[in-house]
Amino acid sequence: MNTYIALLRGINVGGHNKIKMAELKSALLSVGFESVTTYIQSGNIIFKDISEDIDMLEEKMHKTIQDTFGLDVPVLVIRDSLLQEILNNNPFAERLKNNEIEDKKMYFMLLCNAPDEAATLELHNLSFDPEEFKITPYVIYLFAANGYGKTKLHNNFFERKLKCQATTRNLKTLNKLLELSLLMD
C-alpha cells in the first residue's frame, strides 16, 4: 500500500469551489481510496492506495470531485517520498534554520508538469528583489519577502510564464502533510 498526498487547486479560497472536507473524505472513501485524511479546508488529502499509477489516481480523484460536487478542480497527487525530497532540497533551508528569513514567508508551488525550459531560464535571469525563487522540475521554491498576499510572484504568474499548472502551499502546511503521511506508514 502506497501513501500519497493530493493537493487540490483553488478549493475553499475566497468563497469559491466550496467543499466540506468531511464530505470530500466520504466521497473519496466511497470510490476506494483508503485511510483518507484531510488537513485544513484548502484541499490537502493524505491517502493510501495500492496503485502505482499517479495519473490514474489524479483522474479518479478529479472525476469523483466532479461527479460528487460538480467542480472541475485540478488535482495533483504526489508520493510522500517526493514531498520529503522537496522539503529536503529547499534551497532556502539553511537561511530558514539560521532565522535569516521567516518560515511564514516560505512557499512551494508544486508543478503538475515540467515547466517550459526557455521560460525558466528567462525568469532566472530576472531580479524580483526582495522576492527570491528557484524553479525545479517539480516545484518552485518561493521566499515571498513581503508576504504571499503582496507578491507579484504568485501562482498565476508562474503558471502563465512557465506554461504549466501549479498549486501553492506554505512551509507549515507541507511539513504537516509530511508528518501526517509518515504516521500512515
N, C-alpha and C. Protein backbone atom coordinates (compact mmCIF):
# COMPACT_ATOMS: atom_id res chain seq x y z
N MET A 1 0.85 -1.18 0.00
CA MET A 1 0.00 0.00 0.00
C MET A 1 0.90 1.24 0.00
N ASN A 2 0.61 2.16 -0.89
CA ASN A 2 1.41 3.38 -1.03
C ASN A 2 0.71 4.56 -0.37
N THR A 3 1.50 5.47 0.18
CA THR A 3 0.96 6.69 0.78
C THR A 3 1.15 7.84 -0.19
N TYR A 4 0.08 8.59 -0.41
CA TYR A 4 0.08 9.70 -1.34
C TYR A 4 -0.47 10.96 -0.67
N ILE A 5 -0.11 12.08 -1.25
CA ILE A 5 -0.68 13.37 -0.87
C ILE A 5 -1.33 13.94 -2.12
N ALA A 6 -2.58 14.34 -1.99
CA ALA A 6 -3.28 15.00 -3.09
C ALA A 6 -3.48 16.46 -2.71
N LEU A 7 -3.17 17.34 -3.66
CA LEU A 7 -3.34 18.77 -3.47
C LEU A 7 -4.33 19.27 -4.50
N LEU A 8 -5.42 19.82 -4.03
CA LEU A 8 -6.45 20.34 -4.91
C LEU A 8 -6.22 21.83 -5.08
N ARG A 9 -6.35 22.31 -6.29
CA ARG A 9 -6.10 23.73 -6.55
C ARG A 9 -7.40 24.52 -6.43
N GLY A 10 -7.34 25.58 -5.63
CA GLY A 10 -8.45 26.54 -5.57
C GLY A 10 -9.68 26.08 -4.80
N ILE A 11 -9.52 25.21 -3.83
CA ILE A 11 -10.65 24.75 -3.02
C ILE A 11 -10.84 25.69 -1.83
N ASN A 12 -12.09 26.12 -1.62
CA ASN A 12 -12.46 26.94 -0.46
C ASN A 12 -11.60 28.20 -0.32
N VAL A 13 -11.24 28.79 -1.46
CA VAL A 13 -10.44 30.01 -1.45
C VAL A 13 -11.34 31.16 -1.90
N GLY A 14 -11.45 32.17 -1.07
CA GLY A 14 -12.24 33.34 -1.43
C GLY A 14 -13.71 33.03 -1.71
N GLY A 15 -14.24 32.03 -1.04
CA GLY A 15 -15.65 31.69 -1.22
C GLY A 15 -15.96 30.90 -2.48
N HIS A 16 -14.93 30.47 -3.20
CA HIS A 16 -15.14 29.71 -4.43
C HIS A 16 -14.84 28.22 -4.21
N ASN A 17 -15.45 27.40 -5.06
CA ASN A 17 -15.21 25.95 -5.04
C ASN A 17 -15.32 25.37 -3.64
N LYS A 18 -16.44 25.63 -2.99
CA LYS A 18 -16.63 25.18 -1.61
C LYS A 18 -16.89 23.68 -1.55
N ILE A 19 -16.09 23.02 -0.74
CA ILE A 19 -16.26 21.59 -0.46
C ILE A 19 -15.98 21.39 1.02
N LYS A 20 -16.90 20.76 1.71
CA LYS A 20 -16.66 20.41 3.11
C LYS A 20 -15.73 19.19 3.12
N MET A 21 -14.71 19.26 3.95
CA MET A 21 -13.71 18.19 3.96
C MET A 21 -14.31 16.85 4.40
N ALA A 22 -15.27 16.86 5.30
CA ALA A 22 -15.90 15.60 5.72
C ALA A 22 -16.62 14.95 4.54
N GLU A 23 -17.28 15.77 3.71
CA GLU A 23 -17.97 15.24 2.53
C GLU A 23 -16.98 14.76 1.48
N LEU A 24 -15.87 15.47 1.34
CA LEU A 24 -14.83 15.06 0.39
C LEU A 24 -14.24 13.72 0.83
N LYS A 25 -13.93 13.61 2.10
CA LYS A 25 -13.38 12.36 2.64
C LYS A 25 -14.34 11.19 2.38
N SER A 26 -15.60 11.40 2.65
CA SER A 26 -16.61 10.36 2.44
C SER A 26 -16.69 9.95 0.97
N ALA A 27 -16.67 10.94 0.07
CA ALA A 27 -16.73 10.65 -1.38
C ALA A 27 -15.52 9.85 -1.83
N LEU A 28 -14.34 10.21 -1.33
CA LEU A 28 -13.12 9.51 -1.73
C LEU A 28 -13.08 8.08 -1.18
N LEU A 29 -13.54 7.90 0.04
CA LEU A 29 -13.60 6.55 0.62
C LEU A 29 -14.59 5.68 -0.17
N SER A 30 -15.68 6.28 -0.64
CA SER A 30 -16.71 5.51 -1.35
C SER A 30 -16.24 4.98 -2.71
N VAL A 31 -15.19 5.58 -3.27
CA VAL A 31 -14.69 5.10 -4.56
C VAL A 31 -13.40 4.28 -4.41
N GLY A 32 -13.04 3.95 -3.17
CA GLY A 32 -11.94 3.01 -2.96
C GLY A 32 -10.63 3.56 -2.45
N PHE A 33 -10.50 4.89 -2.30
CA PHE A 33 -9.29 5.40 -1.67
C PHE A 33 -9.32 4.96 -0.21
N GLU A 34 -8.15 4.66 0.36
CA GLU A 34 -8.10 4.14 1.72
C GLU A 34 -7.40 5.10 2.67
N SER A 35 -7.76 4.99 3.96
CA SER A 35 -7.13 5.78 5.03
C SER A 35 -7.09 7.27 4.68
N VAL A 36 -8.19 7.80 4.18
CA VAL A 36 -8.26 9.20 3.74
C VAL A 36 -8.26 10.13 4.95
N THR A 37 -7.34 11.08 4.93
CA THR A 37 -7.26 12.13 5.95
C THR A 37 -7.16 13.46 5.22
N THR A 38 -7.88 14.47 5.71
CA THR A 38 -7.76 15.80 5.13
C THR A 38 -7.08 16.71 6.15
N TYR A 39 -6.46 17.76 5.64
CA TYR A 39 -5.81 18.74 6.50
C TYR A 39 -6.22 20.14 6.06
N ILE A 40 -6.73 20.89 6.97
CA ILE A 40 -7.34 22.21 6.79
C ILE A 40 -8.30 22.20 5.61
N GLN A 41 -8.89 23.33 5.32
CA GLN A 41 -10.01 23.38 4.37
C GLN A 41 -9.59 23.65 2.92
N SER A 42 -8.29 23.71 2.64
CA SER A 42 -7.87 24.14 1.30
C SER A 42 -7.50 23.00 0.36
N GLY A 43 -8.02 21.81 0.62
CA GLY A 43 -7.84 20.72 -0.33
C GLY A 43 -6.53 19.98 -0.22
N ASN A 44 -6.19 19.55 0.99
CA ASN A 44 -4.99 18.75 1.24
C ASN A 44 -5.46 17.38 1.73
N ILE A 45 -5.07 16.34 1.03
CA ILE A 45 -5.57 15.00 1.33
C ILE A 45 -4.39 14.03 1.41
N ILE A 46 -4.37 13.23 2.44
CA ILE A 46 -3.40 12.15 2.55
C ILE A 46 -4.21 10.86 2.44
N PHE A 47 -3.73 9.92 1.63
CA PHE A 47 -4.48 8.68 1.46
C PHE A 47 -3.54 7.55 1.08
N LYS A 48 -4.08 6.35 1.12
CA LYS A 48 -3.34 5.17 0.71
C LYS A 48 -4.06 4.53 -0.48
N ASP A 49 -3.26 3.90 -1.34
CA ASP A 49 -3.82 3.18 -2.48
C ASP A 49 -2.80 2.14 -2.94
N ILE A 50 -3.29 1.05 -3.48
CA ILE A 50 -2.38 0.01 -3.97
C ILE A 50 -1.78 0.37 -5.32
N SER A 51 -2.43 1.29 -6.02
CA SER A 51 -1.97 1.65 -7.36
C SER A 51 -0.63 2.38 -7.32
N GLU A 52 0.14 2.17 -8.38
CA GLU A 52 1.40 2.89 -8.59
C GLU A 52 1.22 3.99 -9.63
N ASP A 53 0.03 4.03 -10.25
CA ASP A 53 -0.24 4.92 -11.38
C ASP A 53 -0.80 6.26 -10.90
N ILE A 54 0.09 7.24 -10.76
CA ILE A 54 -0.31 8.54 -10.24
C ILE A 54 -1.30 9.23 -11.17
N ASP A 55 -1.11 9.13 -12.48
CA ASP A 55 -2.05 9.75 -13.42
C ASP A 55 -3.46 9.20 -13.22
N MET A 56 -3.56 7.90 -13.03
CA MET A 56 -4.86 7.26 -12.82
C MET A 56 -5.48 7.76 -11.50
N LEU A 57 -4.66 7.88 -10.45
CA LEU A 57 -5.17 8.36 -9.16
C LEU A 57 -5.69 9.80 -9.29
N GLU A 58 -4.95 10.63 -10.02
CA GLU A 58 -5.38 12.02 -10.23
C GLU A 58 -6.71 12.05 -10.99
N GLU A 59 -6.81 11.26 -12.04
CA GLU A 59 -8.04 11.21 -12.84
C GLU A 59 -9.22 10.72 -12.00
N LYS A 60 -9.00 9.68 -11.22
CA LYS A 60 -10.06 9.10 -10.39
C LYS A 60 -10.54 10.13 -9.36
N MET A 61 -9.60 10.83 -8.73
CA MET A 61 -9.98 11.83 -7.73
C MET A 61 -10.69 13.01 -8.40
N HIS A 62 -10.16 13.45 -9.54
CA HIS A 62 -10.77 14.55 -10.28
C HIS A 62 -12.21 14.21 -10.66
N LYS A 63 -12.42 13.01 -11.19
CA LYS A 63 -13.75 12.57 -11.61
C LYS A 63 -14.69 12.47 -10.41
N THR A 64 -14.20 11.97 -9.30
CA THR A 64 -15.02 11.85 -8.09
C THR A 64 -15.48 13.23 -7.62
N ILE A 65 -14.58 14.20 -7.62
CA ILE A 65 -14.92 15.56 -7.20
C ILE A 65 -15.91 16.18 -8.19
N GLN A 66 -15.68 15.95 -9.46
CA GLN A 66 -16.58 16.49 -10.49
C GLN A 66 -17.98 15.87 -10.37
N ASP A 67 -18.03 14.55 -10.23
CA ASP A 67 -19.32 13.85 -10.14
C ASP A 67 -20.06 14.18 -8.84
N THR A 68 -19.34 14.30 -7.74
CA THR A 68 -19.96 14.50 -6.43
C THR A 68 -20.30 15.95 -6.16
N PHE A 69 -19.40 16.86 -6.52
CA PHE A 69 -19.56 18.26 -6.15
C PHE A 69 -19.80 19.19 -7.34
N GLY A 70 -19.70 18.66 -8.56
CA GLY A 70 -19.92 19.47 -9.74
C GLY A 70 -18.82 20.49 -9.99
N LEU A 71 -17.62 20.22 -9.50
CA LEU A 71 -16.50 21.15 -9.64
C LEU A 71 -15.39 20.53 -10.48
N ASP A 72 -14.84 21.34 -11.36
CA ASP A 72 -13.71 20.93 -12.20
C ASP A 72 -12.44 21.47 -11.53
N VAL A 73 -11.88 20.67 -10.63
CA VAL A 73 -10.76 21.11 -9.80
C VAL A 73 -9.49 20.36 -10.19
N PRO A 74 -8.43 21.11 -10.51
CA PRO A 74 -7.15 20.43 -10.77
C PRO A 74 -6.68 19.66 -9.53
N VAL A 75 -6.19 18.43 -9.77
CA VAL A 75 -5.71 17.56 -8.70
C VAL A 75 -4.27 17.18 -8.99
N LEU A 76 -3.41 17.37 -8.01
CA LEU A 76 -2.01 16.95 -8.10
C LEU A 76 -1.78 15.90 -7.02
N VAL A 77 -1.33 14.72 -7.42
CA VAL A 77 -1.03 13.65 -6.48
C VAL A 77 0.48 13.40 -6.51
N ILE A 78 1.08 13.35 -5.32
CA ILE A 78 2.50 13.04 -5.19
C ILE A 78 2.69 11.99 -4.11
N ARG A 79 3.77 11.26 -4.21
CA ARG A 79 4.14 10.30 -3.16
C ARG A 79 4.69 11.07 -1.97
N ASP A 80 4.53 10.50 -0.80
CA ASP A 80 5.09 11.14 0.39
C ASP A 80 6.61 11.25 0.29
N SER A 81 7.25 10.32 -0.42
CA SER A 81 8.70 10.38 -0.59
C SER A 81 9.12 11.59 -1.42
N LEU A 82 8.30 11.98 -2.41
CA LEU A 82 8.61 13.17 -3.20
C LEU A 82 8.44 14.42 -2.35
N LEU A 83 7.43 14.46 -1.52
CA LEU A 83 7.26 15.60 -0.62
C LEU A 83 8.47 15.73 0.31
N GLN A 84 8.94 14.61 0.82
CA GLN A 84 10.14 14.63 1.67
C GLN A 84 11.34 15.18 0.89
N GLU A 85 11.49 14.74 -0.34
CA GLU A 85 12.59 15.20 -1.19
C GLU A 85 12.49 16.71 -1.46
N ILE A 86 11.29 17.18 -1.73
CA ILE A 86 11.08 18.61 -1.98
C ILE A 86 11.48 19.42 -0.75
N LEU A 87 11.07 18.99 0.41
CA LEU A 87 11.43 19.71 1.64
C LEU A 87 12.93 19.62 1.92
N ASN A 88 13.51 18.46 1.69
CA ASN A 88 14.96 18.29 1.92
C ASN A 88 15.80 19.14 0.99
N ASN A 89 15.30 19.39 -0.22
CA ASN A 89 16.07 20.12 -1.22
C ASN A 89 15.76 21.62 -1.25
N ASN A 90 15.07 22.11 -0.25
CA ASN A 90 14.72 23.52 -0.20
C ASN A 90 15.99 24.38 -0.20
N PRO A 91 16.21 25.19 -1.24
CA PRO A 91 17.42 26.00 -1.31
C PRO A 91 17.48 27.10 -0.24
N PHE A 92 16.38 27.33 0.44
CA PHE A 92 16.33 28.34 1.49
C PHE A 92 16.45 27.73 2.89
N ALA A 93 16.66 26.43 2.97
CA ALA A 93 16.66 25.72 4.26
C ALA A 93 17.68 26.27 5.25
N GLU A 94 18.88 26.50 4.79
CA GLU A 94 19.92 26.99 5.70
C GLU A 94 19.56 28.38 6.25
N ARG A 95 19.04 29.23 5.39
CA ARG A 95 18.65 30.57 5.83
C ARG A 95 17.45 30.52 6.78
N LEU A 96 16.56 29.58 6.56
CA LEU A 96 15.44 29.37 7.48
C LEU A 96 15.96 28.91 8.84
N LYS A 97 16.86 27.94 8.80
CA LYS A 97 17.44 27.39 10.03
C LYS A 97 18.15 28.47 10.85
N ASN A 98 18.82 29.38 10.15
CA ASN A 98 19.57 30.44 10.83
C ASN A 98 18.71 31.68 11.12
N ASN A 99 17.39 31.56 10.89
CA ASN A 99 16.45 32.66 11.11
C ASN A 99 16.78 33.91 10.31
N GLU A 100 17.40 33.72 9.16
CA GLU A 100 17.69 34.85 8.27
C GLU A 100 16.44 35.23 7.48
N ILE A 101 15.56 34.26 7.27
CA ILE A 101 14.28 34.52 6.62
C ILE A 101 13.19 33.86 7.46
N GLU A 102 11.98 34.41 7.37
CA GLU A 102 10.86 33.91 8.16
C GLU A 102 10.21 32.70 7.49
N ASP A 103 9.95 31.67 8.28
CA ASP A 103 9.34 30.47 7.71
C ASP A 103 7.93 30.74 7.20
N LYS A 104 7.23 31.73 7.76
CA LYS A 104 5.87 32.03 7.29
C LYS A 104 5.86 32.69 5.91
N LYS A 105 7.03 33.03 5.39
CA LYS A 105 7.13 33.63 4.06
C LYS A 105 7.72 32.66 3.03
N MET A 106 7.79 31.39 3.40
CA MET A 106 8.34 30.34 2.53
C MET A 106 7.18 29.58 1.89
N TYR A 107 7.16 29.57 0.55
CA TYR A 107 6.08 28.94 -0.20
C TYR A 107 6.64 27.96 -1.23
N PHE A 108 5.80 27.01 -1.59
CA PHE A 108 6.14 25.96 -2.54
C PHE A 108 5.03 25.87 -3.56
N MET A 109 5.37 26.08 -4.82
CA MET A 109 4.40 25.91 -5.90
C MET A 109 4.70 24.56 -6.54
N LEU A 110 3.86 23.60 -6.25
CA LEU A 110 4.05 22.26 -6.79
C LEU A 110 3.50 22.21 -8.20
N LEU A 111 4.32 21.73 -9.12
CA LEU A 111 4.01 21.77 -10.54
C LEU A 111 3.36 20.48 -11.02
N CYS A 112 2.32 20.62 -11.82
CA CYS A 112 1.62 19.46 -12.39
C CYS A 112 2.37 18.86 -13.56
N ASN A 113 3.23 19.64 -14.18
CA ASN A 113 4.07 19.15 -15.28
C ASN A 113 5.34 20.00 -15.31
N ALA A 114 6.32 19.52 -16.02
CA ALA A 114 7.61 20.23 -16.08
C ALA A 114 7.43 21.61 -16.69
N PRO A 115 8.10 22.61 -16.14
CA PRO A 115 7.97 23.96 -16.68
C PRO A 115 8.71 24.12 -18.00
N ASP A 116 8.28 25.07 -18.79
CA ASP A 116 8.93 25.41 -20.05
C ASP A 116 10.38 25.81 -19.77
N GLU A 117 11.32 25.15 -20.44
CA GLU A 117 12.75 25.38 -20.16
C GLU A 117 13.21 26.79 -20.52
N ALA A 118 12.80 27.28 -21.67
CA ALA A 118 13.22 28.62 -22.10
C ALA A 118 12.68 29.68 -21.13
N ALA A 119 11.43 29.53 -20.73
CA ALA A 119 10.83 30.48 -19.79
C ALA A 119 11.51 30.39 -18.42
N THR A 120 11.89 29.20 -18.02
CA THR A 120 12.60 29.02 -16.75
C THR A 120 13.91 29.78 -16.77
N LEU A 121 14.68 29.62 -17.83
CA LEU A 121 15.96 30.34 -17.95
C LEU A 121 15.74 31.85 -17.95
N GLU A 122 14.73 32.28 -18.67
CA GLU A 122 14.43 33.72 -18.74
C GLU A 122 14.09 34.28 -17.36
N LEU A 123 13.25 33.57 -16.62
CA LEU A 123 12.87 34.04 -15.29
C LEU A 123 14.05 34.06 -14.33
N HIS A 124 14.92 33.05 -14.42
CA HIS A 124 16.08 33.00 -13.52
C HIS A 124 17.06 34.15 -13.79
N ASN A 125 16.98 34.74 -14.97
CA ASN A 125 17.86 35.87 -15.29
C ASN A 125 17.29 37.22 -14.87
N LEU A 126 16.07 37.22 -14.34
CA LEU A 126 15.44 38.46 -13.90
C LEU A 126 15.53 38.58 -12.39
N SER A 127 15.50 39.81 -11.91
CA SER A 127 15.51 40.07 -10.47
C SER A 127 14.15 40.59 -10.03
N PHE A 128 13.65 40.04 -8.95
CA PHE A 128 12.38 40.47 -8.37
C PHE A 128 12.60 40.87 -6.91
N ASP A 129 13.78 41.40 -6.64
CA ASP A 129 14.20 41.76 -5.29
C ASP A 129 13.11 42.55 -4.55
N PRO A 130 12.76 42.22 -3.34
CA PRO A 130 13.41 41.31 -2.41
C PRO A 130 12.90 39.87 -2.49
N GLU A 131 11.99 39.59 -3.44
CA GLU A 131 11.47 38.23 -3.61
C GLU A 131 12.57 37.34 -4.19
N GLU A 132 12.57 36.09 -3.80
CA GLU A 132 13.54 35.14 -4.33
C GLU A 132 12.82 33.83 -4.66
N PHE A 133 13.27 33.16 -5.70
CA PHE A 133 12.68 31.88 -6.06
C PHE A 133 13.70 31.00 -6.77
N LYS A 134 13.39 29.71 -6.78
CA LYS A 134 14.17 28.75 -7.55
C LYS A 134 13.19 27.78 -8.19
N ILE A 135 13.32 27.60 -9.50
CA ILE A 135 12.44 26.72 -10.24
C ILE A 135 13.14 25.39 -10.47
N THR A 136 12.45 24.30 -10.15
CA THR A 136 12.94 22.94 -10.40
C THR A 136 11.87 22.22 -11.22
N PRO A 137 12.12 21.00 -11.66
CA PRO A 137 11.11 20.29 -12.45
C PRO A 137 9.80 19.99 -11.70
N TYR A 138 9.84 19.94 -10.35
CA TYR A 138 8.65 19.58 -9.58
C TYR A 138 8.04 20.73 -8.79
N VAL A 139 8.87 21.72 -8.46
CA VAL A 139 8.41 22.74 -7.53
C VAL A 139 9.15 24.05 -7.76
N ILE A 140 8.46 25.13 -7.46
CA ILE A 140 9.09 26.44 -7.40
C ILE A 140 9.18 26.79 -5.92
N TYR A 141 10.38 27.00 -5.45
CA TYR A 141 10.59 27.44 -4.07
C TYR A 141 10.52 28.96 -4.08
N LEU A 142 9.67 29.54 -3.25
CA LEU A 142 9.48 30.98 -3.25
C LEU A 142 9.62 31.54 -1.85
N PHE A 143 10.55 32.49 -1.70
CA PHE A 143 10.61 33.28 -0.48
C PHE A 143 9.93 34.59 -0.81
N ALA A 144 8.71 34.77 -0.28
CA ALA A 144 7.91 35.97 -0.53
C ALA A 144 8.22 36.96 0.59
N ALA A 145 9.24 37.76 0.39
CA ALA A 145 9.77 38.65 1.43
C ALA A 145 8.71 39.57 2.04
N ASN A 146 7.76 40.00 1.23
CA ASN A 146 6.71 40.90 1.72
C ASN A 146 5.40 40.17 2.01
N GLY A 147 5.45 38.84 1.99
CA GLY A 147 4.25 38.03 2.22
C GLY A 147 3.61 37.62 0.91
N TYR A 148 2.93 36.49 0.92
CA TYR A 148 2.34 35.95 -0.30
C TYR A 148 1.21 36.84 -0.82
N GLY A 149 0.49 37.49 0.07
CA GLY A 149 -0.61 38.37 -0.34
C GLY A 149 -0.15 39.59 -1.12
N LYS A 150 1.11 39.95 -1.00
CA LYS A 150 1.62 41.14 -1.67
C LYS A 150 2.56 40.84 -2.84
N THR A 151 2.98 39.60 -2.97
CA THR A 151 3.94 39.28 -4.02
C THR A 151 3.31 39.29 -5.40
N LYS A 152 4.11 39.67 -6.38
CA LYS A 152 3.68 39.56 -7.78
C LYS A 152 4.03 38.18 -8.32
N LEU A 153 4.84 37.44 -7.56
CA LEU A 153 5.27 36.10 -7.97
C LEU A 153 4.32 35.04 -7.41
N HIS A 154 3.05 35.19 -7.72
CA HIS A 154 2.05 34.26 -7.24
C HIS A 154 1.85 33.10 -8.22
N ASN A 155 0.99 32.21 -7.84
CA ASN A 155 0.72 31.00 -8.62
C ASN A 155 0.37 31.32 -10.08
N ASN A 156 -0.54 32.25 -10.29
CA ASN A 156 -0.98 32.57 -11.66
C ASN A 156 0.16 33.14 -12.50
N PHE A 157 1.03 33.95 -11.89
CA PHE A 157 2.19 34.50 -12.59
C PHE A 157 3.06 33.38 -13.15
N PHE A 158 3.42 32.43 -12.29
CA PHE A 158 4.30 31.33 -12.72
C PHE A 158 3.59 30.40 -13.71
N GLU A 159 2.31 30.16 -13.52
CA GLU A 159 1.58 29.31 -14.47
C GLU A 159 1.62 29.92 -15.86
N ARG A 160 1.38 31.22 -15.94
CA ARG A 160 1.39 31.90 -17.24
C ARG A 160 2.77 31.87 -17.88
N LYS A 161 3.78 32.21 -17.11
CA LYS A 161 5.15 32.31 -17.63
C LYS A 161 5.73 30.95 -18.02
N LEU A 162 5.46 29.94 -17.18
CA LEU A 162 6.10 28.63 -17.36
C LEU A 162 5.22 27.64 -18.14
N LYS A 163 4.00 28.05 -18.44
CA LYS A 163 3.08 27.21 -19.22
C LYS A 163 2.84 25.85 -18.55
N CYS A 164 2.57 25.90 -17.24
CA CYS A 164 2.23 24.67 -16.52
C CYS A 164 1.32 25.02 -15.35
N GLN A 165 0.50 24.05 -14.95
CA GLN A 165 -0.37 24.25 -13.80
C GLN A 165 0.41 24.01 -12.52
N ALA A 166 -0.02 24.74 -11.47
CA ALA A 166 0.65 24.60 -10.18
C ALA A 166 -0.36 24.84 -9.07
N THR A 167 -0.01 24.41 -7.88
CA THR A 167 -0.79 24.71 -6.69
C THR A 167 0.19 25.06 -5.58
N THR A 168 -0.14 26.06 -4.79
CA THR A 168 0.80 26.61 -3.83
C THR A 168 0.42 26.25 -2.40
N ARG A 169 1.43 25.91 -1.62
CA ARG A 169 1.27 25.67 -0.19
C ARG A 169 2.42 26.33 0.55
N ASN A 170 2.17 26.67 1.81
CA ASN A 170 3.25 27.24 2.61
C ASN A 170 4.04 26.14 3.31
N LEU A 171 5.14 26.53 3.92
CA LEU A 171 6.04 25.57 4.57
C LEU A 171 5.33 24.82 5.69
N LYS A 172 4.56 25.51 6.49
CA LYS A 172 3.86 24.88 7.61
C LYS A 172 2.93 23.77 7.11
N THR A 173 2.19 24.05 6.04
CA THR A 173 1.26 23.06 5.50
C THR A 173 2.01 21.84 4.97
N LEU A 174 3.08 22.05 4.21
CA LEU A 174 3.82 20.90 3.67
C LEU A 174 4.46 20.08 4.78
N ASN A 175 4.99 20.73 5.80
CA ASN A 175 5.55 19.98 6.93
C ASN A 175 4.48 19.14 7.62
N LYS A 176 3.29 19.70 7.79
CA LYS A 176 2.21 18.97 8.43
C LYS A 176 1.74 17.80 7.56
N LEU A 177 1.65 18.02 6.25
CA LEU A 177 1.25 16.93 5.35
C LEU A 177 2.25 15.78 5.40
N LEU A 178 3.54 16.12 5.43
CA LEU A 178 4.55 15.07 5.53
C LEU A 178 4.43 14.33 6.86
N GLU A 179 4.24 15.07 7.93
CA GLU A 179 4.08 14.45 9.25
C GLU A 179 2.90 13.50 9.26
N LEU A 180 1.76 13.93 8.73
CA LEU A 180 0.57 13.08 8.69
C LEU A 180 0.78 11.86 7.81
N SER A 181 1.49 12.03 6.70
CA SER A 181 1.74 10.89 5.80
C SER A 181 2.65 9.86 6.46
N LEU A 182 3.62 10.33 7.23
CA LEU A 182 4.54 9.42 7.90
C LEU A 182 3.83 8.62 9.00
N LEU A 183 2.80 9.19 9.58
CA LEU A 183 2.00 8.47 10.59
C LEU A 183 1.26 7.30 9.97
N MET A 184 1.02 7.35 8.66
CA MET A 184 0.30 6.28 7.96
C MET A 184 1.21 5.11 7.61
N ASP A 185 2.52 5.38 7.54
CA ASP A 185 3.44 4.31 7.12
C ASP A 185 3.69 3.29 8.20
